[in-house]
Amino acid sequence: MKNPKRPTKSQKMAMKAVGLNSANWLVFKKVQGELHLVHRETGTTRIIPGN
């Protein structure tokens, strides 16, 4: 996995829309309107529709 990055403002809004706390998640991939996220502490991954 590449180094995850902090989310942008629009990505934070997409996370909030699906009920995630953006302070706990990092973006490690952006693919065709999907955000691939990894949790800061547990390392679990999630895929959400976004920018």
C-alpha atoms as a PDB file:
ATOM      1  CA  MET A   1       0.000   0.000   0.000  1.00  0.00           C
ATOM      2  CA  LYS A   2       1.220   3.513  -0.786  1.00  0.00           C
ATOM      3  CA  ASN A   3       1.471   6.154   1.887  1.00  0.00           C
ATOM      4  CA  PRO A   4      -2.033   7.314   2.841  1.00  0.00           C
ATOM      5  CA  LYS A   5      -2.733  11.060   2.742  1.00  0.00           C
ATOM      6  CA  ARG A   6      -4.905  13.402   4.766  1.00  0.00           C
ATOM      7  CA  PRO A   7      -8.306  14.005   3.148  1.00  0.00           C
ATOM      8  CA  THR A   8      -9.172  17.246   1.363  1.00  0.00           C
ATOM      9  CA  LYS A   9     -12.197  19.322   2.336  1.00  0.00           C
ATOM     10  CA  SER A  10     -14.422  17.745  -0.336  1.00  0.00           C
ATOM     11  CA  GLN A  11     -13.274  14.259   0.710  1.00  0.00           C
ATOM     12  CA  LYS A  12     -14.068  15.078   4.347  1.00  0.00           C
ATOM     13  CA  MET A  13     -17.578  16.099   3.293  1.00  0.00           C
ATOM     14  CA  ALA A  14     -18.010  12.790   1.426  1.00  0.00           C
ATOM     15  CA  MET A  15     -16.912  10.886   4.552  1.00  0.00           C
ATOM     16  CA  LYS A  16     -19.335  12.856   6.723  1.00  0.00           C
ATOM     17  CA  ALA A  17     -22.160  12.040   4.285  1.00  0.00           C
ATOM     18  CA  VAL A  18     -21.673   8.295   4.907  1.00  0.00           C
ATOM     19  CA  GLY A  19     -21.279   8.744   8.671  1.00  0.00           C
ATOM     20  CA  LEU A  20     -17.495   8.498   9.089  1.00  0.00           C
ATOM     21  CA  ASN A  21     -15.332  10.744  11.250  1.00  0.00           C
ATOM     22  CA  SER A  22     -12.738  12.201   8.886  1.00  0.00           C
ATOM     23  CA  ALA A  23     -10.223  12.580  11.741  1.00  0.00           C
ATOM     24  CA  ASN A  24      -9.926   8.780  11.913  1.00  0.00           C
ATOM     25  CA  TRP A  25      -9.513   7.999   8.201  1.00  0.00           C
ATOM     26  CA  LEU A  26      -6.786   8.532   5.589  1.00  0.00           C
ATOM     27  CA  VAL A  27      -7.130   8.359   1.793  1.00  0.00           C
ATOM     28  CA  PHE A  28      -4.810   5.834   0.157  1.00  0.00           C
ATOM     29  CA  LYS A  29      -6.385   5.633  -3.306  1.00  0.00           C
ATOM     30  CA  LYS A  30      -8.796   7.634  -5.502  1.00  0.00           C
ATOM     31  CA  VAL A  31     -10.286   5.561  -8.317  1.00  0.00           C
ATOM     32  CA  GLN A  32     -13.047   6.771 -10.668  1.00  0.00           C
ATOM     33  CA  GLY A  33     -15.213   8.512  -8.109  1.00  0.00           C
ATOM     34  CA  GLU A  34     -14.426   6.131  -5.244  1.00  0.00           C
ATOM     35  CA  LEU A  35     -12.372   6.845  -2.163  1.00  0.00           C
ATOM     36  CA  HIS A  36     -10.360   3.999  -0.707  1.00  0.00           C
ATOM     37  CA  LEU A  37      -9.835   4.756   2.966  1.00  0.00           C
ATOM     38  CA  VAL A  38      -7.721   3.213   5.696  1.00  0.00           C
ATOM     39  CA  HIS A  39      -8.372   3.707   9.409  1.00  0.00           C
ATOM     40  CA  ARG A  40      -5.574   5.492  11.278  1.00  0.00           C
ATOM     41  CA  GLU A  41      -5.483   3.133  14.261  1.00  0.00           C
ATOM     42  CA  THR A  42      -6.875  -0.250  13.230  1.00  0.00           C
ATOM     43  CA  GLY A  43      -5.770  -0.386   9.601  1.00  0.00           C
ATOM     44  CA  THR A  44      -9.177  -1.492   8.316  1.00  0.00           C
ATOM     45  CA  THR A  45     -10.125  -0.361   4.823  1.00  0.00           C
ATOM     46  CA  ARG A  46     -13.356   1.033   3.375  1.00  0.00           C
ATOM     47  CA  ILE A  47     -14.482   2.090  -0.078  1.00  0.00           C
ATOM     48  CA  ILE A  48     -16.989   4.939  -0.383  1.00  0.00           C
ATOM     49  CA  PRO A  49     -18.325   6.875  -3.374  1.00  0.00           C
ATOM     50  CA  GLY A  50     -16.826  10.353  -3.439  1.00  0.00           C
ATOM     51  CA  ASN A  51     -14.793  12.831  -5.447  1.00  0.00           C
END
